[in-house]
Structure formats: structure tokens, C-alpha cells
Amino acid sequence: MQISLRLKEPLIARLNSLVKRSGRSKTALITESVIAHLAELETIYNAEETLKRIKSGKEKTYSWAEVQKENGLL
């Protein structure tokens, strides 16, 4: 899939600088950046969803002592 986007000059300058330093293409660097940021966003959204379930009582939490006891570590 092809996507177009507009970048402001400071970001373009940083991207061009990294292209020169790394020897990689703009496409490769942008793709790598999107992959990394998507992973971060997925982690954040998953954590927010888990927190909502905890606050609503739909998901239980355990203390570290409970985990240790349950797994025979105490």
C-alpha cells in the first residue's frame, strides 16, 4: 500500500540527515519508525484497556506476595 504524508521542514531535515548518515532510504527509515511507534501505541492502548477492566472489576490484580505464594516461591 502506498501512503503519502506531509512533513514539516524540521522533520524533513532530520530525516535527510539520517538518510545521509545511515545510507538507508527515506522509505526504510519511515517504515522502521512507524513499526516502532505502532508497537509503542499498541502497548499503551493495551495497558489502558487493562486498566479500564481492572477499575470496572472485570479483571483481578494480584500482589507480588500473592504471586510468589501461588507459585511456591515463599
PDB file of N, CA and C in Angstrom:
ATOM      1  N   MET A   1       0.848  -1.168   0.000  1.00  0.00           N
ATOM      2  CA  MET A   1       0.000   0.000   0.000  1.00  0.00           C
ATOM      3  C   MET A   1       0.900   1.240   0.000  1.00  0.00           C
ATOM      4  N   GLN A   2       0.498   2.196  -0.723  1.00  0.00           N
ATOM      5  CA  GLN A   2       1.240   3.455  -0.790  1.00  0.00           C
ATOM      6  C   GLN A   2       0.504   4.507   0.020  1.00  0.00           C
ATOM      7  N   ILE A   3       1.272   5.271   0.787  1.00  0.00           N
ATOM      8  CA  ILE A   3       0.712   6.339   1.612  1.00  0.00           C
ATOM      9  C   ILE A   3       1.540   7.596   1.362  1.00  0.00           C
ATOM     10  N   SER A   4       0.863   8.715   1.296  1.00  0.00           N
ATOM     11  CA  SER A   4       1.599   9.973   1.195  1.00  0.00           C
ATOM     12  C   SER A   4       1.362  10.764   2.464  1.00  0.00           C
ATOM     13  N   LEU A   5       2.365  11.547   2.844  1.00  0.00           N
ATOM     14  CA  LEU A   5       2.222  12.374   4.025  1.00  0.00           C
ATOM     15  C   LEU A   5       3.025  13.648   3.853  1.00  0.00           C
ATOM     16  N   ARG A   6       2.642  14.646   4.603  1.00  0.00           N
ATOM     17  CA  ARG A   6       3.342  15.925   4.578  1.00  0.00           C
ATOM     18  C   ARG A   6       4.126  16.058   5.874  1.00  0.00           C
ATOM     19  N   LEU A   7       5.385  16.382   5.734  1.00  0.00           N
ATOM     20  CA  LEU A   7       6.238  16.580   6.898  1.00  0.00           C
ATOM     21  C   LEU A   7       6.709  18.025   6.924  1.00  0.00           C
ATOM     22  N   LYS A   8       6.803  18.575   8.108  1.00  0.00           N
ATOM     23  CA  LYS A   8       7.302  19.938   8.250  1.00  0.00           C
ATOM     24  C   LYS A   8       8.824  19.936   8.112  1.00  0.00           C
ATOM     25  N   GLU A   9       9.360  21.072   7.732  1.00  0.00           N
ATOM     26  CA  GLU A   9      10.779  21.194   7.400  1.00  0.00           C
ATOM     27  C   GLU A   9      11.735  20.666   8.473  1.00  0.00           C
ATOM     28  N   PRO A  10      11.516  20.957   9.755  1.00  0.00           N
ATOM     29  CA  PRO A  10      12.474  20.421  10.739  1.00  0.00           C
ATOM     30  C   PRO A  10      12.564  18.894  10.707  1.00  0.00           C
ATOM     31  N   LEU A  11      11.433  18.242  10.505  1.00  0.00           N
ATOM     32  CA  LEU A  11      11.423  16.783  10.441  1.00  0.00           C
ATOM     33  C   LEU A  11      12.067  16.281   9.147  1.00  0.00           C
ATOM     34  N   ILE A  12      11.836  16.980   8.062  1.00  0.00           N
ATOM     35  CA  ILE A  12      12.453  16.622   6.783  1.00  0.00           C
ATOM     36  C   ILE A  12      13.970  16.726   6.899  1.00  0.00           C
ATOM     37  N   ALA A  13      14.443  17.792   7.536  1.00  0.00           N
ATOM     38  CA  ALA A  13      15.886  17.972   7.707  1.00  0.00           C
ATOM     39  C   ALA A  13      16.481  16.833   8.541  1.00  0.00           C
ATOM     40  N   ARG A  14      15.803  16.457   9.597  1.00  0.00           N
ATOM     41  CA  ARG A  14      16.283  15.343  10.430  1.00  0.00           C
ATOM     42  C   ARG A  14      16.296  14.047   9.641  1.00  0.00           C
ATOM     43  N   LEU A  15      15.249  13.819   8.864  1.00  0.00           N
ATOM     44  CA  LEU A  15      15.167  12.609   8.057  1.00  0.00           C
ATOM     45  C   LEU A  15      16.290  12.581   7.023  1.00  0.00           C
ATOM     46  N   ASN A  16      16.491  13.697   6.326  1.00  0.00           N
ATOM     47  CA  ASN A  16      17.556  13.765   5.321  1.00  0.00           C
ATOM     48  C   ASN A  16      18.929  13.542   5.947  1.00  0.00           C
ATOM     49  N   SER A  17      19.139  14.094   7.120  1.00  0.00           N
ATOM     50  CA  SER A  17      20.407  13.909   7.822  1.00  0.00           C
ATOM     51  C   SER A  17      20.622  12.436   8.151  1.00  0.00           C
ATOM     52  N   LEU A  18      19.579  11.778   8.620  1.00  0.00           N
ATOM     53  CA  LEU A  18      19.686  10.364   8.966  1.00  0.00           C
ATOM     54  C   LEU A  18      19.885   9.498   7.734  1.00  0.00           C
ATOM     55  N   VAL A  19      19.271   9.876   6.622  1.00  0.00           N
ATOM     56  CA  VAL A  19      19.474   9.157   5.358  1.00  0.00           C
ATOM     57  C   VAL A  19      20.960   9.189   4.993  1.00  0.00           C
ATOM     58  N   LYS A  20      21.561  10.374   5.083  1.00  0.00           N
ATOM     59  CA  LYS A  20      22.981  10.522   4.742  1.00  0.00           C
ATOM     60  C   LYS A  20      23.871   9.732   5.695  1.00  0.00           C
ATOM     61  N   ARG A  21      23.564   9.797   6.983  1.00  0.00           N
ATOM     62  CA  ARG A  21      24.400   9.119   7.986  1.00  0.00           C
ATOM     63  C   ARG A  21      24.250   7.612   7.942  1.00  0.00           C
ATOM     64  N   SER A  22      23.053   7.143   7.663  1.00  0.00           N
ATOM     65  CA  SER A  22      22.798   5.698   7.731  1.00  0.00           C
ATOM     66  C   SER A  22      22.982   4.986   6.396  1.00  0.00           C
ATOM     67  N   GLY A  23      22.844   5.747   5.305  1.00  0.00           N
ATOM     68  CA  GLY A  23      22.906   5.115   3.988  1.00  0.00           C
ATOM     69  C   GLY A  23      21.632   4.365   3.632  1.00  0.00           C
ATOM     70  N   ARG A  24      20.605   4.552   4.419  1.00  0.00           N
ATOM     71  CA  ARG A  24      19.323   3.891   4.177  1.00  0.00           C
ATOM     72  C   ARG A  24      18.377   4.865   3.495  1.00  0.00           C
ATOM     73  N   SER A  25      17.350   4.320   2.869  1.00  0.00           N
ATOM     74  CA  SER A  25      16.399   5.170   2.154  1.00  0.00           C
ATOM     75  C   SER A  25      15.417   5.824   3.126  1.00  0.00           C
ATOM     76  N   LYS A  26      14.778   6.895   2.651  1.00  0.00           N
ATOM     77  CA  LYS A  26      13.731   7.547   3.445  1.00  0.00           C
ATOM     78  C   LYS A  26      12.614   6.563   3.745  1.00  0.00           C
ATOM     79  N   THR A  27      12.250   5.786   2.732  1.00  0.00           N
ATOM     80  CA  THR A  27      11.170   4.807   2.923  1.00  0.00           C
ATOM     81  C   THR A  27      11.513   3.817   4.018  1.00  0.00           C
ATOM     82  N   ALA A  28      12.745   3.312   4.008  1.00  0.00           N
ATOM     83  CA  ALA A  28      13.155   2.338   5.026  1.00  0.00           C
ATOM     84  C   ALA A  28      13.122   2.956   6.417  1.00  0.00           C
ATOM     85  N   LEU A  29      13.610   4.187   6.534  1.00  0.00           N
ATOM     86  CA  LEU A  29      13.633   4.845   7.841  1.00  0.00           C
ATOM     87  C   LEU A  29      12.231   5.168   8.339  1.00  0.00           C
ATOM     88  N   ILE A  30      11.376   5.630   7.459  1.00  0.00           N
ATOM     89  CA  ILE A  30      10.000   5.947   7.850  1.00  0.00           C
ATOM     90  C   ILE A  30       9.255   4.672   8.228  1.00  0.00           C
ATOM     91  N   THR A  31       9.451   3.605   7.459  1.00  0.00           N
ATOM     92  CA  THR A  31       8.801   2.330   7.770  1.00  0.00           C
ATOM     93  C   THR A  31       9.245   1.823   9.132  1.00  0.00           C
ATOM     94  N   GLU A  32      10.541   1.884   9.397  1.00  0.00           N
ATOM     95  CA  GLU A  32      11.065   1.448  10.695  1.00  0.00           C
ATOM     96  C   GLU A  32      10.474   2.284  11.831  1.00  0.00           C
ATOM     97  N   SER A  33      10.352   3.573  11.600  1.00  0.00           N
ATOM     98  CA  SER A  33       9.783   4.468  12.616  1.00  0.00           C
ATOM     99  C   SER A  33       8.321   4.145  12.894  1.00  0.00           C
ATOM    100  N   VAL A  34       7.562   3.890  11.840  1.00  0.00           N
ATOM    101  CA  VAL A  34       6.142   3.565  12.003  1.00  0.00           C
ATOM    102  C   VAL A  34       5.994   2.248  12.756  1.00  0.00           C
ATOM    103  N   ILE A  35       6.790   1.250  12.390  1.00  0.00           N
ATOM    104  CA  ILE A  35       6.717  -0.047  13.074  1.00  0.00           C
ATOM    105  C   ILE A  35       7.000   0.117  14.567  1.00  0.00           C
ATOM    106  N   ALA A  36       8.064   0.850  14.888  1.00  0.00           N
ATOM    107  CA  ALA A  36       8.434   1.037  16.292  1.00  0.00           C
ATOM    108  C   ALA A  36       7.355   1.804  17.049  1.00  0.00           C
ATOM    109  N   HIS A  37       6.826   2.846  16.441  1.00  0.00           N
ATOM    110  CA  HIS A  37       5.820   3.650  17.135  1.00  0.00           C
ATOM    111  C   HIS A  37       4.496   2.894  17.268  1.00  0.00           C
ATOM    112  N   LEU A  38       4.144   2.108  16.270  1.00  0.00           N
ATOM    113  CA  LEU A  38       2.919   1.315  16.376  1.00  0.00           C
ATOM    114  C   LEU A  38       3.016   0.333  17.536  1.00  0.00           C
ATOM    115  N   ALA A  39       4.184  -0.268  17.710  1.00  0.00           N
ATOM    116  CA  ALA A  39       4.376  -1.192  18.836  1.00  0.00           C
ATOM    117  C   ALA A  39       4.176  -0.461  20.161  1.00  0.00           C
ATOM    118  N   GLU A  40       4.713   0.749  20.259  1.00  0.00           N
ATOM    119  CA  GLU A  40       4.536   1.545  21.476  1.00  0.00           C
ATOM    120  C   GLU A  40       3.066   1.891  21.697  1.00  0.00           C
ATOM    121  N   LEU A  41       2.386   2.314  20.634  1.00  0.00           N
ATOM    122  CA  LEU A  41       0.965   2.663  20.755  1.00  0.00           C
ATOM    123  C   LEU A  41       0.129   1.448  21.144  1.00  0.00           C
ATOM    124  N   GLU A  42       0.430   0.289  20.563  1.00  0.00           N
ATOM    125  CA  GLU A  42      -0.306  -0.930  20.921  1.00  0.00           C
ATOM    126  C   GLU A  42      -0.130  -1.238  22.398  1.00  0.00           C
ATOM    127  N   THR A  43       1.095  -1.085  22.900  1.00  0.00           N
ATOM    128  CA  THR A  43       1.348  -1.326  24.320  1.00  0.00           C
ATOM    129  C   THR A  43       0.555  -0.366  25.183  1.00  0.00           C
ATOM    130  N   ILE A  44       0.553   0.901  24.805  1.00  0.00           N
ATOM    131  CA  ILE A  44      -0.186   1.918  25.574  1.00  0.00           C
ATOM    132  C   ILE A  44      -1.684   1.612  25.571  1.00  0.00           C
ATOM    133  N   TYR A  45      -2.257   1.341  24.395  1.00  0.00           N
ATOM    134  CA  TYR A  45      -3.691   1.082  24.316  1.00  0.00           C
ATOM    135  C   TYR A  45      -4.068  -0.203  25.039  1.00  0.00           C
ATOM    136  N   ASN A  46      -3.223  -1.226  24.963  1.00  0.00           N
ATOM    137  CA  ASN A  46      -3.490  -2.462  25.705  1.00  0.00           C
ATOM    138  C   ASN A  46      -3.480  -2.197  27.207  1.00  0.00           C
ATOM    139  N   ALA A  47      -2.526  -1.391  27.671  1.00  0.00           N
ATOM    140  CA  ALA A  47      -2.454  -1.055  29.099  1.00  0.00           C
ATOM    141  C   ALA A  47      -3.683  -0.263  29.531  1.00  0.00           C
ATOM    142  N   GLU A  48      -4.121   0.676  28.698  1.00  0.00           N
ATOM    143  CA  GLU A  48      -5.316   1.460  29.028  1.00  0.00           C
ATOM    144  C   GLU A  48      -6.552   0.574  29.101  1.00  0.00           C
ATOM    145  N   GLU A  49      -6.671  -0.381  28.177  1.00  0.00           N
ATOM    146  CA  GLU A  49      -7.813  -1.298  28.196  1.00  0.00           C
ATOM    147  C   GLU A  49      -7.789  -2.174  29.440  1.00  0.00           C
ATOM    148  N   THR A  50      -6.600  -2.640  29.813  1.00  0.00           N
ATOM    149  CA  THR A  50      -6.466  -3.459  31.013  1.00  0.00           C
ATOM    150  C   THR A  50      -6.834  -2.654  32.245  1.00  0.00           C
ATOM    151  N   LEU A  51      -6.370  -1.402  32.308  1.00  0.00           N
ATOM    152  CA  LEU A  51      -6.701  -0.550  33.452  1.00  0.00           C
ATOM    153  C   LEU A  51      -8.207  -0.335  33.559  1.00  0.00           C
ATOM    154  N   LYS A  52      -8.885  -0.148  32.445  1.00  0.00           N
ATOM    155  CA  LYS A  52     -10.348   0.008  32.467  1.00  0.00           C
ATOM    156  C   LYS A  52     -11.014  -1.248  33.026  1.00  0.00           C
ATOM    157  N   ARG A  53     -10.512  -2.420  32.596  1.00  0.00           N
ATOM    158  CA  ARG A  53     -11.097  -3.670  33.108  1.00  0.00           C
ATOM    159  C   ARG A  53     -10.849  -3.814  34.607  1.00  0.00           C
ATOM    160  N   ILE A  54      -9.673  -3.429  35.063  1.00  0.00           N
ATOM    161  CA  ILE A  54      -9.357  -3.500  36.491  1.00  0.00           C
ATOM    162  C   ILE A  54     -10.269  -2.570  37.280  1.00  0.00           C
ATOM    163  N   LYS A  55     -10.406  -1.326  36.806  1.00  0.00           N
ATOM    164  CA  LYS A  55     -11.243  -0.347  37.511  1.00  0.00           C
ATOM    165  C   LYS A  55     -12.708  -0.749  37.525  1.00  0.00           C
ATOM    166  N   SER A  56     -13.146  -1.444  36.491  1.00  0.00           N
ATOM    167  CA  SER A  56     -14.557  -1.858  36.436  1.00  0.00           C
ATOM    168  C   SER A  56     -14.799  -3.177  37.158  1.00  0.00           C
ATOM    169  N   GLY A  57     -13.742  -3.781  37.667  1.00  0.00           N
ATOM    170  CA  GLY A  57     -13.876  -5.044  38.392  1.00  0.00           C
ATOM    171  C   GLY A  57     -13.923  -6.269  37.499  1.00  0.00           C
ATOM    172  N   LYS A  58     -13.694  -6.094  36.214  1.00  0.00           N
ATOM    173  CA  LYS A  58     -13.735  -7.221  35.282  1.00  0.00           C
ATOM    174  C   LYS A  58     -12.419  -7.996  35.242  1.00  0.00           C
ATOM    175  N   GLU A  59     -11.381  -7.426  35.840  1.00  0.00           N
ATOM    176  CA  GLU A  59     -10.079  -8.095  35.865  1.00  0.00           C
ATOM    177  C   GLU A  59      -9.486  -7.938  37.249  1.00  0.00           C
ATOM    178  N   LYS A  60      -8.970  -9.036  37.769  1.00  0.00           N
ATOM    179  CA  LYS A  60      -8.404  -9.046  39.115  1.00  0.00           C
ATOM    180  C   LYS A  60      -6.915  -8.775  39.058  1.00  0.00           C
ATOM    181  N   THR A  61      -6.414  -8.150  40.107  1.00  0.00           N
ATOM    182  CA  THR A  61      -4.973  -7.942  40.236  1.00  0.00           C
ATOM    183  C   THR A  61      -4.458  -8.770  41.405  1.00  0.00           C
ATOM    184  N   TYR A  62      -3.161  -9.020  41.392  1.00  0.00           N
ATOM    185  CA  TYR A  62      -2.526  -9.823  42.425  1.00  0.00           C
ATOM    186  C   TYR A  62      -1.294  -9.093  42.932  1.00  0.00           C
ATOM    187  N   SER A  63      -1.074  -9.164  44.220  1.00  0.00           N
ATOM    188  CA  SER A  63       0.136  -8.569  44.791  1.00  0.00           C
ATOM    189  C   SER A  63       1.318  -9.485  44.476  1.00  0.00           C
ATOM    190  N   TRP A  64       2.516  -8.945  44.592  1.00  0.00           N
ATOM    191  CA  TRP A  64       3.712  -9.744  44.342  1.00  0.00           C
ATOM    192  C   TRP A  64       3.783 -10.897  45.348  1.00  0.00           C
ATOM    193  N   ALA A  65       3.392 -10.647  46.589  1.00  0.00           N
ATOM    194  CA  ALA A  65       3.399 -11.695  47.603  1.00  0.00           C
ATOM    195  C   ALA A  65       2.424 -12.821  47.224  1.00  0.00           C
ATOM    196  N   GLU A  66       1.252 -12.466  46.683  1.00  0.00           N
ATOM    197  CA  GLU A  66       0.297 -13.494  46.246  1.00  0.00           C
ATOM    198  C   GLU A  66       0.870 -14.328  45.092  1.00  0.00           C
ATOM    199  N   VAL A  67       1.533 -13.682  44.188  1.00  0.00           N
ATOM    200  CA  VAL A  67       2.135 -14.397  43.050  1.00  0.00           C
ATOM    201  C   VAL A  67       3.222 -15.346  43.544  1.00  0.00           C
ATOM    202  N   GLN A  68       4.055 -14.865  44.455  1.00  0.00           N
ATOM    203  CA  GLN A  68       5.115 -15.706  44.993  1.00  0.00           C
ATOM    204  C   GLN A  68       4.528 -16.902  45.730  1.00  0.00           C
ATOM    205  N   LYS A  69       3.512 -16.674  46.549  1.00  0.00           N
ATOM    206  CA  LYS A  69       2.890 -17.751  47.319  1.00  0.00           C
ATOM    207  C   LYS A  69       2.243 -18.760  46.389  1.00  0.00           C
ATOM    208  N   GLU A  70       1.506 -18.289  45.391  1.00  0.00           N
ATOM    209  CA  GLU A  70       0.814 -19.172  44.446  1.00  0.00           C
ATOM    210  C   GLU A  70       1.797 -20.054  43.683  1.00  0.00           C
ATOM    211  N   ASN A  71       3.000 -19.551  43.455  1.00  0.00           N
ATOM    212  CA  ASN A  71       3.987 -20.282  42.680  1.00  0.00           C
ATOM    213  C   ASN A  71       5.064 -20.946  43.534  1.00  0.00           C
ATOM    214  N   GLY A  72       4.787 -21.030  44.842  1.00  0.00           N
ATOM    215  CA  GLY A  72       5.702 -21.724  45.752  1.00  0.00           C
ATOM    216  C   GLY A  72       7.050 -21.046  45.917  1.00  0.00           C
ATOM    217  N   LEU A  73       7.085 -19.756  45.798  1.00  0.00           N
ATOM    218  CA  LEU A  73       8.349 -19.032  45.907  1.00  0.00           C
ATOM    219  C   LEU A  73       8.564 -18.459  47.292  1.00  0.00           C
ATOM    220  N   LEU A  74       7.589 -18.579  48.162  1.00  0.00           N
ATOM    221  CA  LEU A  74       7.723 -18.064  49.540  1.00  0.00           C
ATOM    222  C   LEU A  74       7.949 -19.187  50.506  1.00  0.00           C
TER     223      LEU A  74
END
